[in-house]
């Protein structure tokens, strides 16, 4: 099985992008965007996780079976989060202090 060789320039570029995204995370914490604070922070975190998985974990150059396994894991994560949040969202308890 031949492996894909990634040049060091790609790794340095991804590292710089990760540093910029980290700076964006810190900068976004300084601004009050209301409910959008969480959305912005999660969007930046997802972008960083994607870059780490694709390049540093070599998923980008992996076989399709690896992509299928990762997709299944992400799908399962969405199911778990959906079922976890369905309870407080249907009772209206999310964000309120009274039962």
PDB file of N, CA and C in Angstrom:
ATOM      1  N   UNK A   1       0.841  -1.168   0.000  1.00  0.00           N
ATOM      2  CA  UNK A   1       0.000   0.000   0.000  1.00  0.00           C
ATOM      3  C   UNK A   1       0.892   1.239   0.000  1.00  0.00           C
ATOM      4  N   UNK A   2       0.759   2.069  -0.987  1.00  0.00           N
ATOM      5  CA  UNK A   2       1.556   3.285  -1.053  1.00  0.00           C
ATOM      6  C   UNK A   2       0.868   4.391  -0.251  1.00  0.00           C
ATOM      7  N   UNK A   3       1.693   5.196   0.380  1.00  0.00           N
ATOM      8  CA  UNK A   3       1.159   6.276   1.199  1.00  0.00           C
ATOM      9  C   UNK A   3       1.379   7.590   0.499  1.00  0.00           C
ATOM     10  N   UNK A   4       0.450   8.507   0.722  1.00  0.00           N
ATOM     11  CA  UNK A   4       0.541   9.835   0.139  1.00  0.00           C
ATOM     12  C   UNK A   4       1.531  10.663   0.951  1.00  0.00           C
ATOM     13  N   UNK A   5       2.444  11.334   0.271  1.00  0.00           N
ATOM     14  CA  UNK A   5       3.433  12.166   0.942  1.00  0.00           C
ATOM     15  C   UNK A   5       2.962  13.616   0.874  1.00  0.00           C
ATOM     16  N   UNK A   6       2.850  14.227   2.046  1.00  0.00           N
ATOM     17  CA  UNK A   6       2.414  15.617   2.139  1.00  0.00           C
ATOM     18  C   UNK A   6       3.642  16.472   2.422  1.00  0.00           C
ATOM     19  N   UNK A   7       3.753  17.569   1.691  1.00  0.00           N
ATOM     20  CA  UNK A   7       4.925  18.420   1.860  1.00  0.00           C
ATOM     21  C   UNK A   7       4.842  19.194   3.183  1.00  0.00           C
ATOM     22  N   UNK A   8       5.988  19.555   3.721  1.00  0.00           N
ATOM     23  CA  UNK A   8       5.991  20.337   4.968  1.00  0.00           C
ATOM     24  C   UNK A   8       5.303  21.692   4.829  1.00  0.00           C
ATOM     25  N   UNK A   9       5.288  22.242   3.622  1.00  0.00           N
ATOM     26  CA  UNK A   9       4.604  23.528   3.412  1.00  0.00           C
ATOM     27  C   UNK A   9       3.124  23.422   3.728  1.00  0.00           C
ATOM     28  N   UNK A  10       2.512  22.301   3.393  1.00  0.00           N
ATOM     29  CA  UNK A  10       1.095  22.104   3.693  1.00  0.00           C
ATOM     30  C   UNK A  10       0.886  22.084   5.204  1.00  0.00           C
ATOM     31  N   UNK A  11       1.742  21.360   5.917  1.00  0.00           N
ATOM     32  CA  UNK A  11       1.619  21.296   7.374  1.00  0.00           C
ATOM     33  C   UNK A  11       1.821  22.667   8.017  1.00  0.00           C
ATOM     34  N   UNK A  12       2.779  23.412   7.531  1.00  0.00           N
ATOM     35  CA  UNK A  12       3.015  24.752   8.071  1.00  0.00           C
ATOM     36  C   UNK A  12       1.824  25.652   7.759  1.00  0.00           C
ATOM     37  N   UNK A  13       1.291  25.553   6.555  1.00  0.00           N
ATOM     38  CA  UNK A  13       0.117  26.353   6.196  1.00  0.00           C
ATOM     39  C   UNK A  13      -1.090  26.027   7.057  1.00  0.00           C
ATOM     40  N   UNK A  14      -1.335  24.744   7.295  1.00  0.00           N
ATOM     41  CA  UNK A  14      -2.454  24.337   8.136  1.00  0.00           C
ATOM     42  C   UNK A  14      -2.218  24.820   9.562  1.00  0.00           C
ATOM     43  N   UNK A  15      -0.978  24.740  10.031  1.00  0.00           N
ATOM     44  CA  UNK A  15      -0.658  25.213  11.372  1.00  0.00           C
ATOM     45  C   UNK A  15      -0.936  26.709  11.507  1.00  0.00           C
ATOM     46  N   UNK A  16      -0.573  27.486  10.502  1.00  0.00           N
ATOM     47  CA  UNK A  16      -0.825  28.928  10.528  1.00  0.00           C
ATOM     48  C   UNK A  16      -2.332  29.198  10.526  1.00  0.00           C
ATOM     49  N   UNK A  17      -3.083  28.451   9.727  1.00  0.00           N
ATOM     50  CA  UNK A  17      -4.536  28.617   9.707  1.00  0.00           C
ATOM     51  C   UNK A  17      -5.132  28.264  11.072  1.00  0.00           C
ATOM     52  N   UNK A  18      -4.623  27.219  11.702  1.00  0.00           N
ATOM     53  CA  UNK A  18      -5.095  26.858  13.039  1.00  0.00           C
ATOM     54  C   UNK A  18      -4.778  27.952  14.056  1.00  0.00           C
ATOM     55  N   UNK A  19      -3.621  28.585  13.944  1.00  0.00           N
ATOM     56  CA  UNK A  19      -3.290  29.696  14.833  1.00  0.00           C
ATOM     57  C   UNK A  19      -4.225  30.877  14.611  1.00  0.00           C
ATOM     58  N   UNK A  20      -4.539  31.158  13.357  1.00  0.00           N
ATOM     59  CA  UNK A  20      -5.471  32.251  13.051  1.00  0.00           C
ATOM     60  C   UNK A  20      -6.861  31.941  13.601  1.00  0.00           C
ATOM     61  N   UNK A  21      -7.304  30.704  13.443  1.00  0.00           N
ATOM     62  CA  UNK A  21      -8.609  30.322  13.977  1.00  0.00           C
ATOM     63  C   UNK A  21      -8.628  30.387  15.502  1.00  0.00           C
ATOM     64  N   UNK A  22      -7.529  30.049  16.144  1.00  0.00           N
ATOM     65  CA  UNK A  22      -7.439  30.173  17.595  1.00  0.00           C
ATOM     66  C   UNK A  22      -7.511  31.636  18.010  1.00  0.00           C
ATOM     67  N   UNK A  23      -6.831  32.504  17.277  1.00  0.00           N
ATOM     68  CA  UNK A  23      -6.911  33.942  17.554  1.00  0.00           C
ATOM     69  C   UNK A  23      -8.338  34.448  17.347  1.00  0.00           C
ATOM     70  N   UNK A  24      -9.022  33.915  16.337  1.00  0.00           N
ATOM     71  CA  UNK A  24     -10.417  34.304  16.108  1.00  0.00           C
ATOM     72  C   UNK A  24     -11.306  33.852  17.261  1.00  0.00           C
ATOM     73  N   UNK A  25     -11.023  32.694  17.820  1.00  0.00           N
ATOM     74  CA  UNK A  25     -11.782  32.207  18.967  1.00  0.00           C
ATOM     75  C   UNK A  25     -11.600  33.139  20.154  1.00  0.00           C
ATOM     76  N   UNK A  26     -10.372  33.535  20.409  1.00  0.00           N
ATOM     77  CA  UNK A  26     -10.086  34.441  21.517  1.00  0.00           C
ATOM     78  C   UNK A  26     -10.722  35.801  21.277  1.00  0.00           C
ATOM     79  N   UNK A  27     -10.634  36.296  20.044  1.00  0.00           N
ATOM     80  CA  UNK A  27     -11.215  37.600  19.723  1.00  0.00           C
ATOM     81  C   UNK A  27     -12.742  37.569  19.802  1.00  0.00           C
ATOM     82  N   UNK A  28     -13.347  36.469  19.401  1.00  0.00           N
ATOM     83  CA  UNK A  28     -14.812  36.407  19.440  1.00  0.00           C
ATOM     84  C   UNK A  28     -15.332  36.346  20.870  1.00  0.00           C
ATOM     85  N   UNK A  29     -14.502  35.886  21.798  1.00  0.00           N
ATOM     86  CA  UNK A  29     -14.913  35.852  23.205  1.00  0.00           C
ATOM     87  C   UNK A  29     -14.996  37.255  23.799  1.00  0.00           C
ATOM     88  N   UNK A  30     -14.303  38.212  23.188  1.00  0.00           N
ATOM     89  CA  UNK A  30     -14.298  39.577  23.700  1.00  0.00           C
ATOM     90  C   UNK A  30     -15.545  40.351  23.286  1.00  0.00           C
ATOM     91  N   UNK A  31     -16.262  39.880  22.287  1.00  0.00           N
ATOM     92  CA  UNK A  31     -17.449  40.575  21.795  1.00  0.00           C
ATOM     93  C   UNK A  31     -18.717  39.896  22.301  1.00  0.00           C
ATOM     94  N   UNK A  32     -19.711  40.704  22.655  1.00  0.00           N
ATOM     95  CA  UNK A  32     -20.989  40.159  23.082  1.00  0.00           C
ATOM     96  C   UNK A  32     -21.916  40.094  21.872  1.00  0.00           C
ATOM     97  N   UNK A  33     -22.133  38.891  21.384  1.00  0.00           N
ATOM     98  CA  UNK A  33     -23.002  38.695  20.226  1.00  0.00           C
ATOM     99  C   UNK A  33     -24.310  38.018  20.616  1.00  0.00           C
ATOM    100  N   UNK A  34     -24.587  37.988  21.899  1.00  0.00           N
ATOM    101  CA  UNK A  34     -25.813  37.355  22.365  1.00  0.00           C
ATOM    102  C   UNK A  34     -25.757  35.850  22.195  1.00  0.00           C
ATOM    103  N   UNK A  35     -26.801  35.300  21.621  1.00  0.00           N
ATOM    104  CA  UNK A  35     -26.877  33.855  21.416  1.00  0.00           C
ATOM    105  C   UNK A  35     -25.915  33.378  20.331  1.00  0.00           C
ATOM    106  N   UNK A  36     -25.412  34.287  19.525  1.00  0.00           N
ATOM    107  CA  UNK A  36     -24.502  33.905  18.451  1.00  0.00           C
ATOM    108  C   UNK A  36     -23.092  33.582  18.949  1.00  0.00           C
ATOM    109  N   UNK A  37     -22.769  33.922  20.209  1.00  0.00           N
ATOM    110  CA  UNK A  37     -21.446  33.590  20.749  1.00  0.00           C
ATOM    111  C   UNK A  37     -21.174  32.100  20.644  1.00  0.00           C
ATOM    112  N   UNK A  38     -22.138  31.304  21.043  1.00  0.00           N
ATOM    113  CA  UNK A  38     -21.969  29.854  21.003  1.00  0.00           C
ATOM    114  C   UNK A  38     -21.861  29.357  19.575  1.00  0.00           C
ATOM    115  N   UNK A  39     -22.669  29.897  18.687  1.00  0.00           N
ATOM    116  CA  UNK A  39     -22.658  29.467  17.287  1.00  0.00           C
ATOM    117  C   UNK A  39     -21.314  29.783  16.646  1.00  0.00           C
ATOM    118  N   UNK A  40     -20.799  30.969  16.877  1.00  0.00           N
ATOM    119  CA  UNK A  40     -19.507  31.364  16.295  1.00  0.00           C
ATOM    120  C   UNK A  40     -18.386  30.495  16.862  1.00  0.00           C
ATOM    121  N   UNK A  41     -18.389  30.289  18.174  1.00  0.00           N
ATOM    122  CA  UNK A  41     -17.343  29.474  18.794  1.00  0.00           C
ATOM    123  C   UNK A  41     -17.390  28.035  18.281  1.00  0.00           C
ATOM    124  N   UNK A  42     -18.585  27.474  18.135  1.00  0.00           N
ATOM    125  CA  UNK A  42     -18.700  26.112  17.625  1.00  0.00           C
ATOM    126  C   UNK A  42     -18.301  26.014  16.158  1.00  0.00           C
ATOM    127  N   UNK A  43     -18.626  27.028  15.368  1.00  0.00           N
ATOM    128  CA  UNK A  43     -18.235  27.018  13.954  1.00  0.00           C
ATOM    129  C   UNK A  43     -16.713  27.039  13.815  1.00  0.00           C
ATOM    130  N   UNK A  44     -16.054  27.855  14.616  1.00  0.00           N
ATOM    131  CA  UNK A  44     -14.598  27.903  14.577  1.00  0.00           C
ATOM    132  C   UNK A  44     -14.012  26.577  15.054  1.00  0.00           C
ATOM    133  N   UNK A  45     -14.605  25.998  16.101  1.00  0.00           N
ATOM    134  CA  UNK A  45     -14.115  24.715  16.621  1.00  0.00           C
ATOM    135  C   UNK A  45     -14.281  23.594  15.600  1.00  0.00           C
ATOM    136  N   UNK A  46     -15.390  23.597  14.882  1.00  0.00           N
ATOM    137  CA  UNK A  46     -15.609  22.579  13.849  1.00  0.00           C
ATOM    138  C   UNK A  46     -14.592  22.741  12.721  1.00  0.00           C
ATOM    139  N   UNK A  47     -14.316  23.978  12.338  1.00  0.00           N
ATOM    140  CA  UNK A  47     -13.322  24.220  11.285  1.00  0.00           C
ATOM    141  C   UNK A  47     -11.939  23.714  11.714  1.00  0.00           C
ATOM    142  N   UNK A  48     -11.568  23.974  12.968  1.00  0.00           N
ATOM    143  CA  UNK A  48     -10.273  23.502  13.455  1.00  0.00           C
ATOM    144  C   UNK A  48     -10.242  21.979  13.527  1.00  0.00           C
ATOM    145  N   UNK A  49     -11.320  21.368  13.977  1.00  0.00           N
ATOM    146  CA  UNK A  49     -11.368  19.908  14.063  1.00  0.00           C
ATOM    147  C   UNK A  49     -11.273  19.276  12.678  1.00  0.00           C
ATOM    148  N   UNK A  50     -11.934  19.882  11.703  1.00  0.00           N
ATOM    149  CA  UNK A  50     -11.860  19.370  10.337  1.00  0.00           C
ATOM    150  C   UNK A  50     -10.434  19.435   9.793  1.00  0.00           C
ATOM    151  N   UNK A  51      -9.759  20.546  10.009  1.00  0.00           N
ATOM    152  CA  UNK A  51      -8.386  20.679   9.529  1.00  0.00           C
ATOM    153  C   UNK A  51      -7.466  19.656  10.184  1.00  0.00           C
ATOM    154  N   UNK A  52      -7.619  19.470  11.491  1.00  0.00           N
ATOM    155  CA  UNK A  52      -6.781  18.498  12.194  1.00  0.00           C
ATOM    156  C   UNK A  52      -7.051  17.087  11.677  1.00  0.00           C
ATOM    157  N   UNK A  53      -8.324  16.744  11.531  1.00  0.00           N
ATOM    158  CA  UNK A  53      -8.661  15.393  11.073  1.00  0.00           C
ATOM    159  C   UNK A  53      -8.210  15.165   9.633  1.00  0.00           C
ATOM    160  N   UNK A  54      -8.457  16.129   8.768  1.00  0.00           N
ATOM    161  CA  UNK A  54      -8.136  15.938   7.352  1.00  0.00           C
ATOM    162  C   UNK A  54      -6.642  15.872   7.088  1.00  0.00           C
ATOM    163  N   UNK A  55      -5.869  16.732   7.730  1.00  0.00           N
ATOM    164  CA  UNK A  55      -4.458  16.813   7.380  1.00  0.00           C
ATOM    165  C   UNK A  55      -3.544  16.118   8.379  1.00  0.00           C
ATOM    166  N   UNK A  56      -3.701  16.386   9.675  1.00  0.00           N
ATOM    167  CA  UNK A  56      -2.780  15.804  10.643  1.00  0.00           C
ATOM    168  C   UNK A  56      -3.101  14.347  10.934  1.00  0.00           C
ATOM    169  N   UNK A  57      -4.350  13.943  10.747  1.00  0.00           N
ATOM    170  CA  UNK A  57      -4.716  12.536  10.921  1.00  0.00           C
ATOM    171  C   UNK A  57      -4.771  11.814   9.571  1.00  0.00           C
ATOM    172  N   UNK A  58      -4.444  12.508   8.489  1.00  0.00           N
ATOM    173  CA  UNK A  58      -4.334  11.960   7.138  1.00  0.00           C
ATOM    174  C   UNK A  58      -5.641  11.361   6.623  1.00  0.00           C
ATOM    175  N   UNK A  59      -6.759  11.891   7.058  1.00  0.00           N
ATOM    176  CA  UNK A  59      -8.047  11.379   6.580  1.00  0.00           C
ATOM    177  C   UNK A  59      -8.290  11.794   5.138  1.00  0.00           C
ATOM    178  N   UNK A  60      -7.754  12.912   4.742  1.00  0.00           N
ATOM    179  CA  UNK A  60      -7.980  13.408   3.380  1.00  0.00           C
ATOM    180  C   UNK A  60      -7.496  12.418   2.326  1.00  0.00           C
ATOM    181  N   UNK A  61      -6.428  11.721   2.638  1.00  0.00           N
ATOM    182  CA  UNK A  61      -5.839  10.800   1.667  1.00  0.00           C
ATOM    183  C   UNK A  61      -6.128   9.341   2.013  1.00  0.00           C
ATOM    184  N   UNK A  62      -7.104   9.118   2.869  1.00  0.00           N
ATOM    185  CA  UNK A  62      -7.450   7.762   3.305  1.00  0.00           C
ATOM    186  C   UNK A  62      -8.416   7.112   2.327  1.00  0.00           C
ATOM    187  N   UNK A  63      -8.539   5.786   2.410  1.00  0.00           N
ATOM    188  CA  UNK A  63      -9.507   5.098   1.550  1.00  0.00           C
ATOM    189  C   UNK A  63     -10.946   5.450   1.934  1.00  0.00           C
ATOM    190  N   UNK A  64     -11.851   5.124   1.047  1.00  0.00           N
ATOM    191  CA  UNK A  64     -13.266   5.458   1.244  1.00  0.00           C
ATOM    192  C   UNK A  64     -13.864   4.769   2.464  1.00  0.00           C
ATOM    193  N   UNK A  65     -13.325   3.631   2.854  1.00  0.00           N
ATOM    194  CA  UNK A  65     -13.831   2.951   4.038  1.00  0.00           C
ATOM    195  C   UNK A  65     -13.593   3.794   5.292  1.00  0.00           C
ATOM    196  N   UNK A  66     -12.465   4.467   5.353  1.00  0.00           N
ATOM    197  CA  UNK A  66     -12.194   5.357   6.478  1.00  0.00           C
ATOM    198  C   UNK A  66     -13.195   6.495   6.505  1.00  0.00           C
ATOM    199  N   UNK A  67     -13.488   7.057   5.339  1.00  0.00           N
ATOM    200  CA  UNK A  67     -14.495   8.125   5.252  1.00  0.00           C
ATOM    201  C   UNK A  67     -15.858   7.623   5.714  1.00  0.00           C
ATOM    202  N   UNK A  68     -16.195   6.389   5.362  1.00  0.00           N
ATOM    203  CA  UNK A  68     -17.474   5.813   5.776  1.00  0.00           C
ATOM    204  C   UNK A  68     -17.537   5.652   7.290  1.00  0.00           C
ATOM    205  N   UNK A  69     -16.469   5.177   7.896  1.00  0.00           N
ATOM    206  CA  UNK A  69     -16.423   4.997   9.344  1.00  0.00           C
ATOM    207  C   UNK A  69     -16.534   6.347  10.057  1.00  0.00           C
ATOM    208  N   UNK A  70     -15.823   7.340   9.591  1.00  0.00           N
ATOM    209  CA  UNK A  70     -15.888   8.675  10.196  1.00  0.00           C
ATOM    210  C   UNK A  70     -17.275   9.274  10.031  1.00  0.00           C
ATOM    211  N   UNK A  71     -17.873   9.108   8.861  1.00  0.00           N
ATOM    212  CA  UNK A  71     -19.231   9.613   8.637  1.00  0.00           C
ATOM    213  C   UNK A  71     -20.223   8.926   9.570  1.00  0.00           C
ATOM    214  N   UNK A  72     -20.068   7.631   9.762  1.00  0.00           N
ATOM    215  CA  UNK A  72     -20.944   6.911  10.681  1.00  0.00           C
ATOM    216  C   UNK A  72     -20.784   7.405  12.113  1.00  0.00           C
ATOM    217  N   UNK A  73     -19.557   7.679  12.521  1.00  0.00           N
ATOM    218  CA  UNK A  73     -19.319   8.210  13.859  1.00  0.00           C
ATOM    219  C   UNK A  73     -19.926   9.586  14.054  1.00  0.00           C
ATOM    220  N   UNK A  74     -19.798  10.437  13.048  1.00  0.00           N
ATOM    221  CA  UNK A  74     -20.405  11.765  13.134  1.00  0.00           C
ATOM    222  C   UNK A  74     -21.929  11.688  13.137  1.00  0.00           C
ATOM    223  N   UNK A  75     -22.473  10.778  12.347  1.00  0.00           N
ATOM    224  CA  UNK A  75     -23.923  10.587  12.338  1.00  0.00           C
ATOM    225  C   UNK A  75     -24.410  10.120  13.703  1.00  0.00           C
ATOM    226  N   UNK A  76     -23.672   9.196  14.320  1.00  0.00           N
ATOM    227  CA  UNK A  76     -24.031   8.719  15.656  1.00  0.00           C
ATOM    228  C   UNK A  76     -23.934   9.852  16.683  1.00  0.00           C
ATOM    229  N   UNK A  77     -22.937  10.723  16.558  1.00  0.00           N
ATOM    230  CA  UNK A  77     -22.814  11.868  17.448  1.00  0.00           C
ATOM    231  C   UNK A  77     -24.020  12.793  17.321  1.00  0.00           C
ATOM    232  N   UNK A  78     -24.483  13.022  16.096  1.00  0.00           N
ATOM    233  CA  UNK A  78     -25.665  13.861  15.883  1.00  0.00           C
ATOM    234  C   UNK A  78     -26.894  13.220  16.529  1.00  0.00           C
ATOM    235  N   UNK A  79     -27.024  11.911  16.414  1.00  0.00           N
ATOM    236  CA  UNK A  79     -28.154  11.219  17.050  1.00  0.00           C
ATOM    237  C   UNK A  79     -28.089  11.394  18.562  1.00  0.00           C
ATOM    238  N   UNK A  80     -26.925  11.205  19.158  1.00  0.00           N
ATOM    239  CA  UNK A  80     -26.788  11.337  20.604  1.00  0.00           C
ATOM    240  C   UNK A  80     -27.103  12.755  21.078  1.00  0.00           C
ATOM    241  N   UNK A  81     -26.599  13.753  20.362  1.00  0.00           N
ATOM    242  CA  UNK A  81     -26.869  15.140  20.746  1.00  0.00           C
ATOM    243  C   UNK A  81     -28.347  15.464  20.581  1.00  0.00           C
ATOM    244  N   UNK A  82     -28.964  14.980  19.508  1.00  0.00           N
ATOM    245  CA  UNK A  82     -30.381  15.231  19.277  1.00  0.00           C
ATOM    246  C   UNK A  82     -31.237  14.632  20.390  1.00  0.00           C
ATOM    247  N   UNK A  83     -30.978  13.393  20.757  1.00  0.00           N
ATOM    248  CA  UNK A  83     -31.762  12.764  21.820  1.00  0.00           C
ATOM    249  C   UNK A  83     -31.483  13.406  23.178  1.00  0.00           C
ATOM    250  N   UNK A  84     -30.262  13.848  23.393  1.00  0.00           N
ATOM    251  CA  UNK A  84     -29.938  14.496  24.659  1.00  0.00           C
ATOM    252  C   UNK A  84     -30.659  15.834  24.783  1.00  0.00           C
ATOM    253  N   UNK A  85     -30.689  16.601  23.711  1.00  0.00           N
ATOM    254  CA  UNK A  85     -31.335  17.911  23.759  1.00  0.00           C
ATOM    255  C   UNK A  85     -32.845  17.848  23.602  1.00  0.00           C
ATOM    256  N   UNK A  86     -33.372  16.718  23.152  1.00  0.00           N
ATOM    257  CA  UNK A  86     -34.823  16.644  22.950  1.00  0.00           C
ATOM    258  C   UNK A  86     -35.587  16.759  24.268  1.00  0.00           C
ATOM    259  N   UNK A  87     -35.034  16.275  25.358  1.00  0.00           N
ATOM    260  CA  UNK A  87     -35.724  16.350  26.643  1.00  0.00           C
ATOM    261  C   UNK A  87     -35.876  17.791  27.129  1.00  0.00           C
ATOM    262  N   UNK A  88     -34.793  18.560  27.300  1.00  0.00           N
ATOM    263  CA  UNK A  88     -35.000  19.927  27.782  1.00  0.00           C
ATOM    264  C   UNK A  88     -35.699  20.824  26.763  1.00  0.00           C
ATOM    265  N   UNK A  89     -35.508  20.569  25.486  1.00  0.00           N
ATOM    266  CA  UNK A  89     -36.161  21.425  24.491  1.00  0.00           C
ATOM    267  C   UNK A  89     -37.669  21.205  24.456  1.00  0.00           C
ATOM    268  N   UNK A  90     -38.124  19.971  24.684  1.00  0.00           N
ATOM    269  CA  UNK A  90     -39.568  19.726  24.651  1.00  0.00           C
ATOM    270  C   UNK A  90     -40.255  20.156  25.934  1.00  0.00           C
ATOM    271  N   UNK A  91     -39.513  20.261  27.026  1.00  0.00           N
ATOM    272  CA  UNK A  91     -40.098  20.718  28.281  1.00  0.00           C
ATOM    273  C   UNK A  91     -39.945  22.212  28.483  1.00  0.00           C
ATOM    274  N   UNK A  92     -39.199  22.875  27.636  1.00  0.00           N
ATOM    275  CA  UNK A  92     -39.019  24.312  27.769  1.00  0.00           C
ATOM    276  C   UNK A  92     -38.113  24.689  28.928  1.00  0.00           C
ATOM    277  N   UNK A  93     -37.264  23.774  29.375  1.00  0.00           N
ATOM    278  CA  UNK A  93     -36.395  24.051  30.518  1.00  0.00           C
ATOM    279  C   UNK A  93     -35.058  24.659  30.113  1.00  0.00           C
ATOM    280  N   UNK A  94     -34.755  24.635  28.866  1.00  0.00           N
ATOM    281  CA  UNK A  94     -33.458  25.155  28.428  1.00  0.00           C
ATOM    282  C   UNK A  94     -33.443  26.666  28.566  1.00  0.00           C
ATOM    283  N   UNK A  95     -32.649  27.149  29.483  1.00  0.00           N
ATOM    284  CA  UNK A  95     -32.532  28.584  29.664  1.00  0.00           C
ATOM    285  C   UNK A  95     -33.394  29.150  30.760  1.00  0.00           C
ATOM    286  N   UNK A  96     -34.253  28.358  31.384  1.00  0.00           N
ATOM    287  CA  UNK A  96     -35.076  28.875  32.480  1.00  0.00           C
ATOM    288  C   UNK A  96     -34.666  28.217  33.781  1.00  0.00           C
ATOM    289  N   UNK A  97     -34.790  28.966  34.871  1.00  0.00           N
ATOM    290  CA  UNK A  97     -34.336  28.468  36.171  1.00  0.00           C
ATOM    291  C   UNK A  97     -35.445  27.788  36.945  1.00  0.00           C
ATOM    292  N   UNK A  98     -36.695  27.976  36.551  1.00  0.00           N
ATOM    293  CA  UNK A  98     -37.805  27.380  37.300  1.00  0.00           C
ATOM    294  C   UNK A  98     -38.275  26.103  36.618  1.00  0.00           C
ATOM    295  N   UNK A  99     -38.622  25.086  37.403  1.00  0.00           N
ATOM    296  CA  UNK A  99     -39.090  23.818  36.805  1.00  0.00           C
ATOM    297  C   UNK A  99     -40.515  23.885  36.317  1.00  0.00           C
TER     298      UNK A  99
END
